[in-house]
Amino acid sequence: MNLTSTFRLLALAALVTAPVLAQQTTRRVIVVPANAAPAGAPAGTASGGSTGAPSTGGLPTAQPGATTVAPGPGINREELTPEQKAALKEADRMRTEKARIDAEVALAEAKRTEELAPLNAETAKLSAERALRLAKAAAEAAALEDERAKLERQAALESARSTARLTERNNKIRELEAEAKQLQLEAANTISRLTNEISRFQKEEEARKVATKAKPKYLKEPLVDGTLVISDRRIAFNGAVTENLADYVCQRINFYNNQSAEFPIFIVVDNSPGGSVAAGYQIQKAMAASKAPVYVVVKGFAASMTAVIATLAERSYCYPNTIILHHQVSNTARGNMTVLKEQIEFTNRWFERLGTPVAKKMGLTLPEFVKQMYANDSTGDWQAFGEKAKELKWIDNVVDRIEETAVLDLLPAAPTVMTLPTPRTAQSEVSGVVQKTDDKGRTYFELPPLSNPFDAWWIYDPRGQYRAR
């Protein structure tokens, strides 16, 4: 039987026995004569029947002639009905069962208390540890809060100090800016004054370097009493003959033709060892196509392709000690024997085309011209001074004096827009040849590459100063 069923039986027994126990503990049993009526009883109830009397609930009634009896110490079980006896017996049994159950419950409660004791102890321990950790955390939080407040105070103090320093620095900067503006103003005034003085000095110096009373002379016949008069229609021709130099010369020939076809154009050669065959041929064709006569003036030295240009010019001039040199075309061919043979044959065709007109002017055939080259010099480099060059018809006129009427000042070129076309490259030399030093410290001139695959170098270079790129 479980605990719930037991409690239910106990409750049922209590409900059954409660009326009996209440009557025995509160009621007196009175025995009266049969014909006697109780005091205060209504009339007609003293005798015989009592049809209207209330029920006693199954308990024994007083017998006639009985006396009043005080409540006894217990219940007279003999007087109880079998149902009541059974109920009392069941109540006793249930009280016993209740006592047993109470004992079991107490024992179970004791066991539960004993079993829960370690858990309660552990719970208390954990609660204490939690309280301790909370206290430590609270203490640490308080310390951190204090530290944070301290840092905030320090940050506020440092910010105030930084602001003060920044304000001081800004004030100092403003003071320095004001001083700098004042100094700039003073410097500008000084610079302006010095610039004006320098400009005045420069103008005075320039005035001393400018030939204000002279002007270029333009003569259709420039040779006057043995003096060659050159105007500003002159083209400087120096260094190796290259594509750059050819462009430079041809552009100026075209410009001077467009300017005027009446007066001659002068190509003035200081020193030129020759160069590209194709570039030299381009210059020759520009000279031949010019409406204005193009005269070549050689002051120092002209060899190879440059000598051909001077010889085949419409008119040429040189000093007595000027040197003119003719020789065969050289070749820097590379490759197998077949390729070398083809390139040599092609170079020979170039020489035939350009050397034949020179030989014809001399009254010779090309083979005779070549034969005389080697007859006059074992290397084939046939050179001659001015007078001999005139005899050989390499030069038309030998002069003692050349008057450059275009040199009217010694001032540097002004950085203004040029009226003449400029060379295509920005090399220090118009021809585009660059002076370099090799790994042995020797100076040489690097020739630009030949863009024409059928071109060849016709250049006099006995010391190997010119190197193809």
Protein backbone atom coordinates (compact mmCIF):
# COMPACT_ATOMS: atom_id res chain seq x y z
CA MET A 1 0.00 0.00 0.00
CA ASN A 2 1.40 3.30 -0.93
CA LEU A 3 1.35 6.46 1.09
CA THR A 4 -1.54 8.05 -0.83
CA SER A 5 -3.91 5.06 -0.25
CA THR A 6 -3.03 5.01 3.45
CA PHE A 7 -3.91 8.67 3.90
CA ARG A 8 -7.20 8.10 2.11
CA LEU A 9 -8.19 5.23 4.52
CA LEU A 10 -7.24 7.35 7.52
CA ALA A 11 -9.46 10.15 6.29
CA LEU A 12 -12.42 7.72 5.78
CA ALA A 13 -12.06 6.26 9.31
CA ALA A 14 -12.00 9.71 10.80
CA LEU A 15 -15.23 10.61 9.03
CA VAL A 16 -16.99 7.44 10.27
CA THR A 17 -15.91 7.60 13.93
CA ALA A 18 -16.18 11.33 14.40
CA PRO A 19 -19.99 11.34 15.29
CA VAL A 20 -19.68 8.49 17.80
CA LEU A 21 -16.74 10.00 19.56
CA ALA A 22 -18.46 13.35 19.72
CA GLN A 23 -21.66 11.85 21.33
CA GLN A 24 -19.73 9.88 23.95
CA THR A 25 -17.65 12.82 25.07
CA THR A 26 -20.45 15.43 25.23
CA ARG A 27 -23.68 13.62 26.05
CA ARG A 28 -25.09 12.39 29.41
CA VAL A 29 -27.23 9.21 29.50
CA ILE A 30 -30.46 9.79 31.54
CA VAL A 31 -32.88 7.02 32.56
CA VAL A 32 -36.43 8.20 33.26
CA PRO A 33 -39.69 6.45 33.86
CA ALA A 34 -41.64 5.50 30.89
CA ASN A 35 -44.49 7.75 31.70
CA ALA A 36 -42.45 10.68 32.73
CA ALA A 37 -41.84 13.46 30.37
CA PRO A 38 -38.76 15.48 30.39
CA ALA A 39 -38.98 18.96 31.66
CA GLY A 40 -40.07 21.34 29.06
CA ALA A 41 -41.29 18.56 26.81
CA PRO A 42 -44.40 19.28 24.87
CA ALA A 43 -47.67 17.78 25.97
CA GLY A 44 -48.61 14.36 24.63
CA THR A 45 -45.08 13.14 24.48
CA ALA A 46 -44.83 11.61 27.92
CA SER A 47 -46.50 8.36 27.23
CA GLY A 48 -46.40 5.58 24.84
CA GLY A 49 -45.03 6.34 21.52
CA SER A 50 -43.05 9.15 20.33
CA THR A 51 -43.68 9.13 16.71
CA GLY A 52 -42.33 12.62 16.38
CA ALA A 53 -39.11 12.01 18.38
CA PRO A 54 -35.85 12.66 16.68
CA SER A 55 -33.65 9.76 15.61
CA THR A 56 -30.59 8.86 17.73
CA GLY A 57 -28.56 7.86 14.80
CA GLY A 58 -28.50 4.12 15.71
CA LEU A 59 -27.10 4.65 19.26
CA PRO A 60 -28.86 2.85 22.25
CA THR A 61 -31.59 4.81 23.93
CA ALA A 62 -32.22 5.17 27.65
CA GLN A 63 -34.24 2.40 29.30
CA PRO A 64 -37.20 3.20 31.56
CA GLY A 65 -36.26 3.72 35.11
CA ALA A 66 -32.59 4.43 34.44
CA THR A 67 -30.55 7.03 36.29
CA THR A 68 -28.36 9.78 35.03
CA VAL A 69 -24.87 8.56 34.28
CA ALA A 70 -21.82 10.76 33.71
CA PRO A 71 -19.64 10.09 30.71
CA GLY A 72 -17.42 7.07 31.27
CA PRO A 73 -13.79 6.71 30.46
CA GLY A 74 -14.29 4.70 27.28
CA ILE A 75 -16.73 3.35 24.82
CA ASN A 76 -18.72 0.31 25.67
CA ARG A 77 -18.03 -1.75 22.61
CA GLU A 78 -20.82 -4.13 23.59
CA GLU A 79 -23.28 -1.44 22.99
CA LEU A 80 -21.94 -0.61 19.51
CA THR A 81 -23.45 -1.98 16.41
CA PRO A 82 -21.38 -4.32 14.26
CA GLU A 83 -20.81 -1.56 11.71
CA GLN A 84 -19.52 0.74 14.42
CA LYS A 85 -17.37 -1.99 15.85
CA ALA A 86 -15.95 -2.64 12.40
CA ALA A 87 -15.37 1.07 11.92
CA LEU A 88 -13.62 1.36 15.28
CA LYS A 89 -11.51 -1.67 14.49
CA GLU A 90 -10.62 -0.18 11.14
CA ALA A 91 -9.82 3.12 12.82
CA ASP A 92 -7.49 1.37 15.26
CA ARG A 93 -5.86 -0.44 12.45
CA MET A 94 -5.47 2.80 10.51
CA ARG A 95 -4.02 4.59 13.56
CA THR A 96 -1.51 1.81 13.87
CA GLU A 97 -0.82 2.01 10.18
CA LYS A 98 -0.52 5.80 10.44
CA ALA A 99 1.94 5.47 13.27
CA ARG A 100 3.95 3.00 11.21
CA ILE A 101 3.75 5.28 8.19
CA ASP A 102 4.73 8.30 10.29
CA ALA A 103 7.71 6.35 11.54
CA GLU A 104 8.66 5.38 7.98
CA VAL A 105 8.17 8.96 6.83
CA ALA A 106 10.33 10.21 9.68
CA LEU A 107 12.94 7.57 8.85
CA ALA A 108 12.82 8.54 5.14
CA GLU A 109 13.03 12.19 6.10
CA ALA A 110 16.04 11.43 8.28
CA LYS A 111 17.66 9.47 5.46
CA ARG A 112 16.88 12.27 2.97
CA THR A 113 18.27 14.81 5.38
CA GLU A 114 21.39 12.64 5.82
CA GLU A 115 21.71 12.22 2.03
CA LEU A 116 21.16 15.94 1.40
CA ALA A 117 23.68 16.95 4.06
CA PRO A 118 26.74 16.65 1.71
CA LEU A 119 24.81 18.38 -1.05
CA ASN A 120 23.75 21.10 1.35
CA ALA A 121 27.33 21.39 2.54
CA GLU A 122 28.56 21.56 -1.06
CA THR A 123 25.84 24.08 -1.83
CA ALA A 124 26.88 26.13 1.17
CA LYS A 125 30.52 25.84 0.08
CA LEU A 126 29.70 26.88 -3.46
CA SER A 127 27.54 29.72 -2.15
CA ALA A 128 30.40 30.85 0.06
CA GLU A 129 32.90 30.59 -2.84
CA ARG A 130 30.49 32.46 -5.10
CA ALA A 131 30.05 35.14 -2.47
CA LEU A 132 33.85 35.32 -2.13
CA ARG A 133 34.32 35.58 -5.91
CA LEU A 134 31.61 38.21 -6.08
CA ALA A 135 33.33 40.11 -3.32
CA LYS A 136 36.69 39.81 -5.13
CA ALA A 137 35.09 40.82 -8.44
CA ALA A 138 33.45 43.75 -6.73
CA ALA A 139 36.78 44.72 -5.23
CA GLU A 140 38.55 44.36 -8.58
CA ALA A 141 35.79 46.31 -10.32
CA ALA A 142 36.11 49.00 -7.71
CA ALA A 143 39.90 49.06 -8.24
CA LEU A 144 39.44 49.18 -12.01
CA GLU A 145 36.91 51.94 -11.62
CA ASP A 146 39.38 53.83 -9.48
CA GLU A 147 42.10 53.22 -12.07
CA ARG A 148 39.76 54.32 -14.86
CA ALA A 149 38.88 57.46 -12.96
CA LYS A 150 42.59 58.06 -12.33
CA LEU A 151 43.40 57.56 -16.03
CA GLU A 152 40.55 59.85 -17.02
CA ARG A 153 41.86 62.50 -14.70
CA GLN A 154 45.38 62.05 -16.10
CA ALA A 155 44.03 62.11 -19.68
CA ALA A 156 42.06 65.25 -18.93
CA LEU A 157 45.14 66.82 -17.39
CA GLU A 158 47.33 65.79 -20.34
CA SER A 159 44.70 67.04 -22.78
CA ALA A 160 44.64 70.36 -21.02
CA ARG A 161 48.43 70.52 -21.12
CA SER A 162 48.46 69.52 -24.84
CA THR A 163 45.85 72.13 -25.60
CA ALA A 164 47.91 74.71 -23.81
CA ARG A 165 51.08 73.65 -25.66
CA LEU A 166 49.21 73.61 -28.98
CA THR A 167 47.82 77.05 -28.35
CA GLU A 168 51.28 78.29 -27.48
CA ARG A 169 52.71 76.64 -30.60
CA ASN A 170 49.99 78.10 -32.82
CA ASN A 171 50.67 81.51 -31.42
CA LYS A 172 54.38 80.99 -32.11
CA ILE A 173 53.60 79.82 -35.66
CA ARG A 174 51.46 82.87 -36.29
CA GLU A 175 54.28 85.04 -35.04
CA LEU A 176 56.77 83.24 -37.30
CA GLU A 177 54.39 83.48 -40.27
CA ALA A 178 54.07 87.19 -39.71
CA GLU A 179 57.86 87.51 -39.51
CA ALA A 180 58.22 85.33 -42.65
CA LYS A 181 55.75 87.49 -44.56
CA GLN A 182 57.67 90.53 -43.51
CA LEU A 183 60.94 88.92 -44.58
CA GLN A 184 59.38 87.79 -47.89
CA LEU A 185 58.20 91.30 -48.53
CA GLU A 186 61.64 92.67 -47.78
CA ALA A 187 63.28 89.93 -49.90
CA ALA A 188 60.89 90.63 -52.78
CA ASN A 189 61.78 94.27 -52.66
CA THR A 190 65.49 93.41 -52.56
CA ILE A 191 65.15 90.89 -55.41
CA SER A 192 63.20 93.39 -57.47
CA ARG A 193 65.88 95.99 -56.93
CA LEU A 194 68.69 93.54 -57.74
CA THR A 195 66.81 92.22 -60.78
CA ASN A 196 66.48 95.72 -62.12
CA GLU A 197 70.19 96.31 -61.59
CA ILE A 198 71.11 92.97 -63.20
CA SER A 199 68.81 93.69 -66.12
CA ARG A 200 70.46 97.05 -66.58
CA PHE A 201 73.94 95.48 -66.43
CA GLN A 202 72.87 92.74 -68.87
CA LYS A 203 71.49 95.24 -71.32
CA GLU A 204 74.70 97.21 -71.10
CA GLU A 205 76.74 94.00 -71.61
CA GLU A 206 74.52 92.87 -74.49
CA ALA A 207 74.87 96.25 -76.11
CA ARG A 208 78.63 95.77 -76.02
CA LYS A 209 78.27 92.29 -77.66
CA VAL A 210 75.95 93.30 -80.46
CA ALA A 211 77.29 94.68 -83.71
CA THR A 212 74.54 97.23 -84.09
CA LYS A 213 76.02 98.87 -87.17
CA ALA A 214 76.57 95.62 -89.14
CA LYS A 215 74.10 93.62 -91.19
CA PRO A 216 74.38 90.36 -93.16
CA LYS A 217 75.53 90.79 -96.70
CA TYR A 218 73.56 89.07 -99.47
CA LEU A 219 75.56 88.75 -102.70
CA LYS A 220 74.69 86.74 -105.79
CA GLU A 221 78.43 86.45 -106.42
CA PRO A 222 79.91 85.92 -102.96
CA LEU A 223 83.60 85.84 -104.03
CA VAL A 224 84.83 89.43 -103.97
CA ASP A 225 88.55 90.15 -104.51
CA GLY A 226 89.60 86.73 -103.14
CA THR A 227 87.29 87.02 -100.11
CA LEU A 228 84.30 84.74 -99.75
CA VAL A 229 81.36 86.65 -98.22
CA ILE A 230 78.90 84.36 -96.38
CA SER A 231 75.47 85.63 -95.37
CA ASP A 232 73.15 84.31 -92.67
CA ARG A 233 71.81 81.81 -95.22
CA ARG A 234 74.36 79.32 -93.92
CA ILE A 235 74.06 75.71 -92.71
CA ALA A 236 76.61 74.30 -90.29
CA PHE A 237 77.84 70.89 -91.41
CA ASN A 238 80.08 69.13 -88.86
CA GLY A 239 80.76 65.61 -87.65
CA ALA A 240 79.70 62.35 -89.25
CA VAL A 241 77.07 62.34 -91.97
CA THR A 242 74.00 60.70 -90.47
CA GLU A 243 70.27 60.68 -91.04
CA ASN A 244 69.87 63.36 -88.39
CA LEU A 245 72.41 65.62 -90.07
CA ALA A 246 70.79 64.99 -93.47
CA ASP A 247 67.37 66.02 -92.11
CA TYR A 248 68.92 69.10 -90.52
CA VAL A 249 70.64 70.21 -93.75
CA CYS A 250 67.75 69.40 -96.11
CA GLN A 251 65.18 71.20 -93.96
CA ARG A 252 67.29 74.35 -93.98
CA ILE A 253 67.85 74.17 -97.73
CA ASN A 254 64.07 74.02 -98.16
CA PHE A 255 63.55 76.87 -95.72
CA TYR A 256 66.03 79.21 -97.39
CA ASN A 257 64.51 78.37 -100.79
CA ASN A 258 61.09 79.31 -99.48
CA GLN A 259 62.55 82.47 -98.02
CA SER A 260 64.32 83.54 -101.22
CA ALA A 261 65.64 81.77 -104.29
CA GLU A 262 67.74 84.75 -105.38
CA PHE A 263 70.78 84.50 -103.11
CA PRO A 264 73.03 81.47 -102.56
CA ILE A 265 72.87 79.05 -99.63
CA PHE A 266 76.16 78.09 -97.94
CA ILE A 267 76.89 74.66 -96.43
CA VAL A 268 79.88 75.38 -94.18
CA VAL A 269 82.00 72.35 -93.24
CA ASP A 270 84.49 72.74 -90.42
CA ASN A 271 85.49 69.08 -90.13
CA SER A 272 83.64 65.99 -91.34
CA PRO A 273 85.03 62.46 -91.87
CA GLY A 274 82.10 61.36 -94.02
CA GLY A 275 79.42 58.91 -92.95
CA SER A 276 76.24 57.32 -94.24
CA VAL A 277 76.04 56.82 -98.01
CA ALA A 278 72.23 57.11 -98.05
CA ALA A 279 72.26 60.27 -95.90
CA GLY A 280 74.91 61.89 -98.10
CA TYR A 281 72.94 61.03 -101.23
CA GLN A 282 69.85 62.67 -99.65
CA ILE A 283 71.84 65.89 -99.11
CA GLN A 284 73.12 65.79 -102.68
CA LYS A 285 69.61 65.51 -104.09
CA ALA A 286 68.36 68.39 -101.91
CA MET A 287 71.25 70.55 -103.18
CA ALA A 288 70.46 69.65 -106.80
CA ALA A 289 66.75 70.39 -106.38
CA SER A 290 67.31 73.79 -104.74
CA LYS A 291 66.21 76.80 -106.76
CA ALA A 292 68.77 78.93 -104.99
CA PRO A 293 72.40 77.88 -105.63
CA VAL A 294 73.92 75.80 -102.84
CA TYR A 295 77.66 76.33 -102.30
CA VAL A 296 79.86 74.14 -100.10
CA VAL A 297 82.61 75.79 -98.03
CA VAL A 298 85.22 73.51 -96.41
CA LYS A 299 87.33 75.23 -93.76
CA GLY A 300 89.19 72.33 -92.18
CA PHE A 301 88.75 68.78 -93.41
CA ALA A 302 86.31 66.85 -95.59
CA ALA A 303 86.65 63.14 -96.33
CA SER A 304 84.73 60.25 -97.85
CA MET A 305 81.01 61.06 -98.28
CA THR A 306 81.55 64.71 -97.30
CA ALA A 307 84.31 65.03 -99.92
CA VAL A 308 81.89 63.66 -102.53
CA ILE A 309 79.30 66.27 -101.50
CA ALA A 310 81.89 69.08 -101.79
CA THR A 311 83.22 67.83 -105.13
CA LEU A 312 79.78 67.43 -106.71
CA ALA A 313 78.42 70.75 -105.41
CA GLU A 314 77.45 73.45 -107.89
CA ARG A 315 80.33 75.52 -106.51
CA SER A 316 82.80 74.77 -103.69
CA TYR A 317 85.36 76.82 -101.72
CA CYS A 318 88.18 76.00 -99.30
CA TYR A 319 91.28 77.42 -97.65
CA PRO A 320 94.74 76.62 -99.05
CA ASN A 321 95.46 74.31 -96.11
CA THR A 322 92.12 72.59 -96.17
CA ILE A 323 92.41 68.81 -96.72
CA ILE A 324 90.08 66.90 -99.03
CA LEU A 325 90.23 63.09 -99.01
CA HIS A 326 88.69 60.52 -101.36
CA HIS A 327 88.76 56.73 -100.95
CA GLN A 328 86.65 53.68 -101.57
CA VAL A 329 83.53 52.83 -99.58
CA SER A 330 84.24 50.66 -96.53
CA ASN A 331 81.93 48.00 -95.13
CA THR A 332 81.26 46.52 -91.70
CA ALA A 333 79.45 43.47 -93.08
CA ARG A 334 78.83 40.40 -90.95
CA GLY A 335 77.64 36.91 -91.79
CA ASN A 336 78.69 33.89 -93.82
CA MET A 337 80.70 34.04 -97.01
CA THR A 338 77.64 34.27 -99.24
CA VAL A 339 76.18 37.12 -97.20
CA LEU A 340 79.52 38.93 -97.13
CA LYS A 341 79.87 38.57 -100.88
CA GLU A 342 76.37 39.94 -101.46
CA GLN A 343 76.94 42.90 -99.15
CA ILE A 344 80.30 43.72 -100.74
CA GLU A 345 78.72 43.62 -104.18
CA PHE A 346 75.94 45.93 -103.01
CA THR A 347 78.49 48.33 -101.47
CA ASN A 348 80.37 48.36 -104.78
CA ARG A 349 77.17 49.41 -106.52
CA TRP A 350 76.87 52.32 -104.07
CA PHE A 351 80.48 53.31 -104.86
CA GLU A 352 79.82 53.09 -108.61
CA ARG A 353 76.80 55.39 -108.32
CA LEU A 354 78.53 58.03 -106.19
CA GLY A 355 82.17 57.66 -107.23
CA THR A 356 81.53 57.70 -110.97
CA PRO A 357 80.32 61.36 -111.01
CA VAL A 358 83.50 62.38 -109.10
CA ALA A 359 85.72 60.48 -111.53
CA LYS A 360 83.84 61.96 -114.47
CA LYS A 361 84.41 65.49 -113.12
CA MET A 362 88.12 64.67 -112.90
CA GLY A 363 88.09 63.33 -116.49
CA LEU A 364 88.67 59.74 -115.38
CA THR A 365 86.83 56.50 -115.37
CA LEU A 366 85.97 54.91 -112.02
CA PRO A 367 88.67 52.18 -112.30
CA GLU A 368 91.24 54.87 -113.17
CA PHE A 369 90.08 56.92 -110.19
CA VAL A 370 90.52 53.93 -107.88
CA LYS A 371 93.94 53.14 -109.38
CA GLN A 372 95.15 56.68 -108.72
CA MET A 373 93.87 56.44 -105.13
CA TYR A 374 96.30 53.61 -104.41
CA ALA A 375 99.00 55.16 -106.56
CA ASN A 376 98.99 58.26 -104.35
CA ASP A 377 98.62 56.36 -101.06
CA SER A 378 99.10 52.68 -100.30
CA THR A 379 95.98 52.69 -98.12
CA GLY A 380 93.87 54.10 -100.95
CA ASP A 381 93.16 57.23 -98.89
CA TRP A 382 93.93 59.92 -101.44
CA GLN A 383 94.21 63.27 -99.68
CA ALA A 384 95.16 66.72 -101.05
CA PHE A 385 95.53 70.27 -99.73
CA GLY A 386 93.42 73.06 -101.11
CA GLU A 387 95.54 74.00 -104.14
CA LYS A 388 96.06 70.37 -105.20
CA ALA A 389 92.39 69.64 -104.62
CA LYS A 390 91.58 72.49 -107.00
CA GLU A 391 93.92 71.00 -109.60
CA LEU A 392 92.18 67.62 -109.20
CA LYS A 393 88.81 69.40 -109.60
CA TRP A 394 87.71 68.29 -106.14
CA ILE A 395 87.27 71.96 -105.16
CA ASP A 396 86.37 74.89 -107.42
CA ASN A 397 87.90 77.85 -105.57
CA VAL A 398 90.66 78.37 -103.01
CA VAL A 399 90.29 81.52 -100.91
CA ASP A 400 92.46 83.16 -98.31
CA ARG A 401 89.69 84.97 -96.48
CA ILE A 402 86.11 84.13 -95.52
CA GLU A 403 83.87 86.87 -94.16
CA GLU A 404 81.02 85.63 -91.93
CA THR A 405 78.60 88.55 -92.10
CA ALA A 406 75.88 86.69 -90.16
CA VAL A 407 77.78 86.76 -86.84
CA LEU A 408 76.26 89.93 -85.39
CA ASP A 409 76.33 89.19 -81.64
CA LEU A 410 77.90 87.00 -78.99
CA LEU A 411 74.68 86.46 -77.08
CA PRO A 412 73.41 82.97 -76.20
CA ALA A 413 70.45 81.71 -78.16
CA ALA A 414 67.23 83.01 -76.67
CA PRO A 415 64.64 80.39 -75.63
CA THR A 416 62.08 81.53 -78.17
CA VAL A 417 60.24 79.86 -81.03
CA MET A 418 62.73 79.14 -83.80
CA THR A 419 61.99 80.33 -87.26
CA LEU A 420 64.22 77.56 -88.62
CA PRO A 421 63.41 73.87 -88.33
CA THR A 422 65.39 72.17 -85.58
CA PRO A 423 67.14 68.81 -85.82
CA ARG A 424 65.16 65.74 -84.97
CA THR A 425 67.32 64.68 -82.03
CA ALA A 426 68.49 66.53 -78.96
CA GLN A 427 72.11 65.36 -79.05
CA SER A 428 74.97 67.73 -78.34
CA GLU A 429 76.00 67.22 -81.94
CA VAL A 430 73.51 67.76 -84.77
CA SER A 431 74.52 64.50 -86.43
CA GLY A 432 73.43 62.47 -83.40
CA VAL A 433 76.91 61.04 -82.83
CA VAL A 434 77.56 60.55 -79.09
CA GLN A 435 80.99 60.85 -77.51
CA LYS A 436 81.66 58.01 -75.03
CA THR A 437 84.48 56.32 -73.13
CA ASP A 438 85.07 52.56 -73.27
CA ASP A 439 86.07 50.30 -70.38
CA LYS A 440 89.75 51.00 -71.11
CA GLY A 441 89.27 54.75 -70.74
CA ARG A 442 89.56 55.51 -74.45
CA THR A 443 87.27 58.11 -75.96
CA TYR A 444 85.29 57.19 -79.04
CA PHE A 445 82.30 58.40 -81.05
CA GLU A 446 79.26 56.14 -81.24
CA LEU A 447 77.49 56.29 -84.60
CA PRO A 448 73.70 55.99 -84.62
CA PRO A 449 72.29 52.82 -86.22
CA LEU A 450 71.52 52.85 -89.93
CA SER A 451 67.75 52.61 -90.38
CA ASN A 452 68.17 51.88 -94.09
CA PRO A 453 69.08 48.16 -94.37
CA PHE A 454 70.86 48.86 -97.68
CA ASP A 455 72.93 51.73 -96.31
CA ALA A 456 76.72 51.68 -95.76
CA TRP A 457 79.29 53.79 -93.97
CA TRP A 458 81.64 55.82 -96.21
CA ILE A 459 83.81 57.33 -93.51
CA TYR A 460 87.51 58.03 -92.97
CA ASP A 461 88.49 56.60 -89.58
CA PRO A 462 92.14 55.46 -89.48
CA ARG A 463 92.32 55.54 -85.67
CA GLY A 464 89.05 53.71 -85.01
CA GLN A 465 87.41 56.64 -83.26
CA TYR A 466 84.00 55.97 -84.78
CA ARG A 467 82.11 52.85 -83.72
CA ALA A 468 78.81 51.68 -85.13
CA ARG A 469 76.07 51.06 -82.58
